[in-house]
Protein backbone atom coordinates (compact mmCIF):
# COMPACT_ATOMS: atom_id res chain seq x y z
CA MET A 1 0.03 0.00 0.06
CA THR A 2 0.95 3.60 -0.50
CA LEU A 3 0.05 6.68 1.45
CA GLU A 4 -2.07 7.92 -1.32
CA GLN A 5 -4.09 4.71 -1.30
CA ILE A 6 -4.54 4.91 2.50
CA ARG A 7 -5.80 8.48 2.08
CA SER A 8 -8.22 7.30 -0.49
CA ILE A 9 -9.76 4.75 1.76
CA LEU A 10 -9.94 7.39 4.55
CA GLY A 11 -11.49 10.03 2.32
CA ASN A 12 -14.11 7.59 0.93
CA GLY A 13 -14.92 6.03 4.42
CA ALA A 14 -14.24 2.72 2.94
CA PHE A 15 -14.12 0.74 6.18
CA PRO A 16 -16.55 -0.85 8.70
CA GLY A 17 -18.41 1.16 11.27
CA ARG A 18 -19.11 4.86 11.45
CA LYS A 19 -17.28 7.15 8.93
CA GLN A 20 -16.85 10.38 10.76
CA PRO A 21 -14.84 11.73 12.31
CA ALA A 22 -11.89 9.64 10.97
CA GLU A 23 -8.10 10.47 10.99
CA LEU A 24 -4.84 9.04 9.92
CA VAL A 25 -2.00 8.54 12.21
CA GLU A 26 1.42 7.58 10.74
CA THR A 27 4.39 6.06 12.52
CA HIS A 28 7.72 4.97 11.08
CA ILE A 29 6.39 1.44 10.49
CA SER A 30 2.57 1.73 10.03
CA TRP A 31 -0.52 3.79 8.98
CA VAL A 32 -3.47 3.72 11.55
CA ILE A 33 -7.02 4.92 10.52
CA LEU A 34 -8.93 5.94 13.50
CA THR A 35 -12.71 6.15 13.39
CA PRO A 36 -15.37 6.59 16.09
CA ASP A 37 -15.63 2.79 16.52
CA PHE A 38 -12.47 1.07 15.30
CA ALA A 39 -8.83 1.43 14.54
CA PHE A 40 -7.31 -0.14 11.41
CA LYS A 41 -3.59 -0.59 11.40
CA ILE A 42 -1.80 -1.20 7.99
CA LYS A 43 1.84 -2.06 8.00
CA LYS A 44 4.16 0.00 5.80
CA PRO A 45 6.07 -2.18 3.24
CA VAL A 46 9.46 -1.39 4.80
CA LEU A 47 12.67 -3.28 5.49
CA LEU A 48 14.69 -1.92 8.43
CA GLY A 49 17.44 -3.33 10.59
CA PHE A 50 15.04 -4.69 13.18
CA LEU A 51 11.95 -5.72 11.05
CA ASP A 52 10.86 -6.96 7.64
CA PHE A 53 7.47 -5.92 6.29
CA SER A 54 8.64 -5.88 2.74
CA THR A 55 6.22 -8.56 1.18
CA ASP A 56 2.49 -9.12 1.30
CA ALA A 57 2.92 -12.53 2.80
CA LYS A 58 5.05 -11.13 5.70
CA ARG A 59 2.69 -8.31 6.35
CA LYS A 60 -0.22 -10.67 6.63
CA MET A 61 1.66 -13.06 8.90
CA PHE A 62 2.74 -10.20 11.20
CA CYS A 63 -0.86 -8.89 11.33
CA GLU A 64 -2.01 -12.34 12.49
CA GLU A 65 0.77 -12.51 14.90
CA GLU A 66 -0.10 -9.03 16.28
CA VAL A 67 -3.61 -10.13 16.97
CA ARG A 68 -2.56 -13.40 18.65
CA LEU A 69 0.01 -11.85 20.93
CA ASN A 70 -1.96 -8.80 21.88
CA ARG A 71 -5.05 -10.80 22.77
CA ARG A 72 -3.07 -11.95 25.88
CA LEU A 73 -3.36 -8.51 27.49
CA ALA A 74 -6.17 -6.86 25.50
CA PRO A 75 -8.60 -9.65 24.35
CA ASP A 76 -11.62 -7.34 23.88
CA MET A 77 -9.62 -4.76 21.81
CA TYR A 78 -8.17 -6.99 19.09
CA LEU A 79 -10.98 -8.09 16.76
CA GLY A 80 -8.99 -9.83 13.92
CA VAL A 81 -7.37 -9.13 10.61
CA LEU A 82 -9.31 -7.64 7.57
CA PRO A 83 -8.17 -7.58 3.93
CA VAL A 84 -7.43 -4.37 2.19
CA GLY A 85 -8.26 -4.36 -1.55
CA GLY A 86 -10.29 -3.37 -4.50
CA LYS A 87 -9.57 -1.65 -7.77
CA GLY A 88 -8.71 1.88 -8.84
CA GLU A 89 -10.54 4.35 -6.58
CA HIS A 90 -12.69 1.59 -5.02
CA LEU A 91 -10.19 0.55 -2.35
CA GLN A 92 -11.68 -0.61 0.95
CA ILE A 93 -11.07 -2.37 4.20
CA ALA A 94 -13.58 -5.24 4.35
CA GLU A 95 -13.92 -9.05 4.40
CA ASN A 96 -14.90 -9.03 0.77
CA ALA A 97 -12.22 -6.65 -0.52
CA LEU A 98 -10.99 -8.10 -3.87
CA PRO A 99 -8.46 -8.31 -5.14
CA VAL A 100 -6.56 -8.34 -1.83
CA LEU A 101 -3.80 -5.84 -1.76
CA ASP A 102 -2.76 -5.85 1.83
CA TYR A 103 -4.14 -6.51 5.32
CA ALA A 104 -5.17 -4.48 8.42
CA VAL A 105 -5.33 -5.20 12.03
CA HIS A 106 -8.82 -4.54 13.21
CA MET A 107 -9.15 -3.09 16.70
CA ARG A 108 -11.94 -1.70 18.78
CA ARG A 109 -11.37 1.89 19.51
CA ILE A 110 -10.66 3.03 23.11
CA ASP A 111 -11.08 6.64 24.16
CA ASN A 112 -7.71 8.31 23.40
CA SER A 113 -8.18 10.77 26.40
CA ARG A 114 -7.52 7.68 28.55
CA GLU A 115 -4.02 7.08 27.09
CA MET A 116 -1.44 7.02 29.80
CA ASP A 117 0.80 9.35 27.97
CA VAL A 118 -2.06 11.89 27.66
CA LEU A 119 -2.92 11.53 31.41
CA LEU A 120 0.73 11.95 32.45
CA GLU A 121 0.81 15.28 30.42
CA GLN A 122 -2.25 16.44 32.57
CA ASN A 123 -0.71 15.05 35.81
CA ARG A 124 -3.71 12.84 36.24
CA VAL A 125 -2.00 9.49 36.78
CA THR A 126 -2.44 8.31 40.40
CA ALA A 127 -0.36 6.12 42.59
CA GLY A 128 -3.31 3.76 42.74
CA GLN A 129 -3.53 3.36 38.96
CA MET A 130 0.24 2.44 38.86
CA GLU A 131 -0.49 -0.21 41.65
CA GLN A 132 -3.26 -1.57 39.38
CA LEU A 133 -0.89 -1.62 36.39
CA ALA A 134 1.75 -3.40 38.44
CA ALA A 135 -0.81 -6.16 39.48
CA VAL A 136 -1.95 -6.65 35.82
CA LEU A 137 1.53 -6.89 34.49
CA ALA A 138 2.97 -9.07 37.22
CA ALA A 139 0.14 -11.62 36.71
CA PHE A 140 0.69 -11.51 32.92
CA HIS A 141 4.43 -11.93 33.24
CA ARG A 142 4.21 -14.88 35.49
CA GLN A 143 1.96 -16.50 32.96
CA VAL A 144 4.53 -15.92 30.09
CA VAL A 145 7.74 -17.12 31.98
CA MET A 146 9.71 -19.02 29.39
CA THR A 147 10.81 -22.59 30.34
CA GLY A 148 13.09 -25.19 28.66
CA PRO A 149 16.17 -24.47 26.57
CA ILE A 150 16.69 -20.72 26.00
CA VAL A 151 19.38 -19.67 23.58
CA TYR A 152 20.80 -16.51 25.09
CA HIS A 153 24.17 -14.76 25.37
CA PRO A 154 24.54 -11.45 27.19
CA GLY A 155 26.58 -10.22 24.14
CA ALA A 156 23.36 -9.97 22.23
CA HIS A 157 22.45 -6.74 24.25
CA TRP A 158 25.54 -5.17 22.99
CA ALA A 159 24.65 -6.01 19.48
CA ASP A 160 21.34 -4.41 19.85
CA PHE A 161 22.89 -1.33 21.59
CA ALA A 162 25.49 -1.03 18.89
CA GLU A 163 22.74 -0.40 16.20
CA LEU A 164 23.04 3.16 17.45
CA TYR A 165 26.41 3.49 15.69
CA ARG A 166 24.51 3.32 12.40
CA PHE A 167 23.15 6.70 13.39
CA GLN A 168 26.55 8.25 14.53
CA ALA A 169 26.48 10.82 11.82
CA ASP A 170 22.96 11.90 12.90
CA VAL A 171 24.11 12.14 16.66
CA GLU A 172 27.07 14.17 15.66
CA LYS A 173 24.94 16.43 13.61
CA HIS A 174 22.73 17.22 16.62
CA PHE A 175 25.23 17.03 19.40
CA GLY A 176 28.58 17.74 18.03
CA PRO A 177 32.05 15.96 18.27
CA ALA A 178 31.73 15.47 22.05
CA ALA A 179 28.82 13.03 21.39
CA ALA A 180 31.13 10.90 19.21
CA GLU A 181 33.75 10.82 22.00
CA LYS A 182 30.99 9.58 24.40
CA MET A 183 29.97 6.86 21.91
CA ASN A 184 33.60 5.74 21.61
CA ARG A 185 33.72 5.44 25.41
CA TRP A 186 30.49 3.48 25.49
CA ARG A 187 31.88 1.14 22.75
CA ALA A 188 34.83 0.31 25.11
CA ARG A 189 32.91 0.11 28.44
CA LEU A 190 29.59 -1.61 27.66
CA PRO A 191 30.82 -4.86 26.23
CA LEU A 192 33.07 -5.15 29.45
CA PHE A 193 30.09 -4.48 31.68
CA LEU A 194 28.04 -7.15 30.03
CA GLU A 195 31.02 -9.57 30.24
CA GLN A 196 31.45 -8.95 33.96
CA ASN A 197 27.82 -9.51 34.58
CA ALA A 198 27.29 -12.36 32.22
CA GLY A 199 27.14 -14.92 35.06
CA ARG A 200 24.30 -13.06 36.75
CA LEU A 201 22.37 -12.51 33.65
CA ILE A 202 22.56 -16.14 32.60
CA ALA A 203 21.63 -17.10 36.19
CA ARG A 204 18.43 -14.99 35.97
CA VAL A 205 17.48 -17.02 32.82
CA ARG A 206 17.92 -20.25 34.77
CA ASP A 207 16.00 -18.75 37.78
CA GLY A 208 12.90 -17.99 35.78
CA PHE A 209 13.13 -14.31 35.10
CA TRP A 210 13.04 -14.64 31.28
CA VAL A 211 9.53 -13.97 29.81
CA ASP A 212 7.84 -13.74 26.38
CA GLY A 213 6.60 -10.38 27.27
CA HIS A 214 5.23 -7.17 25.59
CA GLY A 215 8.51 -5.79 24.30
CA ASP A 216 7.36 -2.20 23.91
CA LEU A 217 5.99 -1.30 27.26
CA HIS A 218 5.65 2.47 27.46
CA ALA A 219 2.90 4.98 28.37
CA ARG A 220 1.57 5.47 24.90
CA ASN A 221 0.82 1.68 24.70
CA ILE A 222 -1.44 1.82 27.89
CA PHE A 223 -4.90 2.86 28.51
CA LEU A 224 -5.92 3.67 32.02
CA THR A 225 -9.70 3.05 31.91
CA GLU A 226 -12.36 3.13 34.55
CA LYS A 227 -12.41 -0.79 34.46
CA GLY A 228 -8.57 -0.93 34.77
CA PRO A 229 -5.46 -0.71 32.63
CA VAL A 230 -5.42 -2.06 29.08
CA VAL A 231 -1.91 -2.74 27.74
CA PHE A 232 -1.81 -3.00 23.90
CA ASP A 233 0.46 -2.86 20.78
CA CYS A 234 3.12 -5.47 21.90
CA ILE A 235 5.96 -6.19 19.49
CA GLU A 236 4.97 -8.93 17.02
CA PHE A 237 7.85 -8.56 14.38
CA SER A 238 10.60 -9.80 16.57
CA ALA A 239 10.61 -12.56 19.27
CA HIS A 240 14.16 -11.28 19.97
CA PHE A 241 12.80 -7.88 21.21
CA ARG A 242 9.72 -9.44 23.04
CA GLN A 243 11.53 -12.31 24.86
CA SER A 244 13.96 -11.01 27.45
CA ASP A 245 14.75 -10.65 31.11
CA ILE A 246 11.84 -9.13 33.00
CA LEU A 247 14.04 -6.32 34.04
CA ASN A 248 14.41 -5.30 30.43
CA GLU A 249 10.66 -5.23 30.06
CA LEU A 250 10.04 -3.14 33.23
CA ALA A 251 12.96 -0.90 32.46
CA PHE A 252 11.13 0.47 29.33
CA LEU A 253 8.16 1.64 31.30
CA CYS A 254 10.22 3.11 34.09
CA MET A 255 12.56 4.92 31.63
CA ASP A 256 9.50 6.26 29.92
CA LEU A 257 8.05 7.71 33.14
CA GLU A 258 11.30 9.31 34.03
CA ALA A 259 11.57 10.80 30.43
CA ARG A 260 8.02 12.32 30.95
CA GLY A 261 9.05 13.79 34.23
CA HIS A 262 7.48 11.27 36.67
CA PRO A 263 10.30 9.39 38.39
CA GLU A 264 7.88 9.12 41.49
CA LEU A 265 5.43 7.07 39.47
CA ALA A 266 8.21 4.85 38.23
CA ASN A 267 9.23 4.14 41.93
CA THR A 268 5.61 3.44 42.90
CA PHE A 269 5.17 1.10 40.04
CA LEU A 270 8.36 -0.90 40.89
CA GLN A 271 7.59 -1.07 44.60
CA ALA A 272 4.10 -2.30 43.78
CA TYR A 273 5.31 -4.82 41.28
CA ALA A 274 7.88 -6.15 43.77
CA ARG A 275 4.99 -6.96 46.13
CA HIS A 276 3.61 -9.38 43.52
CA TRP A 277 6.93 -10.74 42.11
CA ASN A 278 10.41 -10.04 43.56
CA VAL A 279 12.55 -9.60 40.45
CA PHE A 280 15.47 -8.01 42.28
CA PRO A 281 16.58 -10.84 44.51
CA ASP A 282 20.39 -10.03 44.04
CA PRO A 283 22.06 -6.67 44.64
CA ALA A 284 23.72 -6.90 41.19
CA ASP A 285 20.16 -6.78 39.65
CA GLN A 286 20.00 -3.01 40.35
CA GLY A 287 23.03 -2.36 38.24
CA LEU A 288 21.47 -4.50 35.43
CA PHE A 289 18.26 -2.53 35.74
CA ARG A 290 20.08 0.74 35.07
CA PHE A 291 21.76 -0.89 32.07
CA PHE A 292 18.44 -1.90 30.70
CA LYS A 293 17.00 1.56 31.18
CA ALA A 294 19.95 2.80 29.05
CA TYR A 295 19.25 0.05 26.58
CA ARG A 296 15.63 1.21 26.29
CA ALA A 297 16.53 4.89 25.95
CA ASN A 298 18.84 3.74 23.17
CA VAL A 299 15.83 2.07 21.46
CA ARG A 300 13.65 5.26 21.75
CA LEU A 301 16.64 7.39 20.56
CA LYS A 302 16.96 5.30 17.44
CA VAL A 303 13.20 5.38 16.70
CA ALA A 304 13.16 9.22 17.03
CA LEU A 305 16.20 9.57 14.70
CA ILE A 306 14.38 7.33 12.08
CA GLU A 307 11.18 9.44 12.44
CA LEU A 308 13.29 12.59 12.20
CA ARG A 309 14.77 11.53 8.96
CA GLN A 310 11.25 10.78 7.50
CA HIS A 311 9.50 13.81 8.89
CA PRO A 312 11.76 16.56 10.38
CA SER A 313 10.16 18.61 13.05
CA VAL A 314 10.95 20.53 16.15
CA LYS A 315 8.96 18.05 18.33
CA LEU A 316 11.13 15.06 17.10
CA GLU A 317 14.39 17.15 17.61
CA GLU A 318 13.24 17.63 21.17
CA GLN A 319 12.69 13.89 21.55
CA VAL A 320 16.10 13.14 20.17
CA LYS A 321 17.61 15.56 22.70
CA LEU A 322 15.53 14.01 25.60
CA TYR A 323 16.50 10.39 24.86
CA TRP A 324 20.17 11.26 24.19
CA GLY A 325 20.26 12.98 27.59
CA LEU A 326 18.64 10.15 29.43
CA LEU A 327 20.97 7.60 27.75
CA ASP A 328 23.90 9.58 28.80
CA SER A 329 22.72 10.06 32.42
CA TYR A 330 22.01 6.36 32.77
CA LEU A 331 25.50 5.37 31.47
CA ARG A 332 27.09 7.90 33.82
CA GLU A 333 25.53 5.92 36.72
């Protein structure tokens, strides 16, 4: 699909449910049509270092996988996969859309004013809501603990982190030569840190702290509704990013809360989570958690840099500065 085709579907109201108001939201990997009743997510035909949506067959498979995985935490939200098809100006999202050109994840719409990132901006997230979220996630994570042989080496974290060096020119453009010097120091220090902590990381796998989790656990992927938290949009395109130490999963949410200026909520969440499941049984785990927060800030920095390349804006430049600053602060610790 192309952006023009997506806009045609939007303009013609060629989708199930009420037609207006409807809007298009674009990310670096998808287009999402939001309507009064539903959301329809169509994956972009992109091939990036961390995902491959380059063929129709792969996009269909990942749409189906997205529904399967997200029904674990949001069963009422994920309705299924719908074909996108038709000819000429008669493109539509529908069961009978022929010929099929692509696929859309079909979701029930939840009031966007209940998104956690929106509520954080309004200072309307409470300690009680964080405790509810901790209870939901701890129960989920205990259900998805991975057992049996797990292929893992701590050096894989460095391989992921080192993807940032593909963007070194972008980083130097925004932050100057001093940033390159910092990246060179990290290149020397972080593999050594992981080598020194490899025994503890591997022991945590053996001790049952490895989960097939969400993989993208941040405030924008959480609704805080009157009925309780709804966690959605988990990673479907890479088991590698979804399957990890539970500290890596929790670090994403805590890093995001700190990035949004709410470290107190991150502390409340962690304390509440620990009452359900103690995932810090060894003093060394605190150092690992700080590393994982840096790892997650690295991820958000790379996403912001990709989006900034595609759609330059002051807002994205501010995000790049924010995540660079966080990454630097965690690694100084």
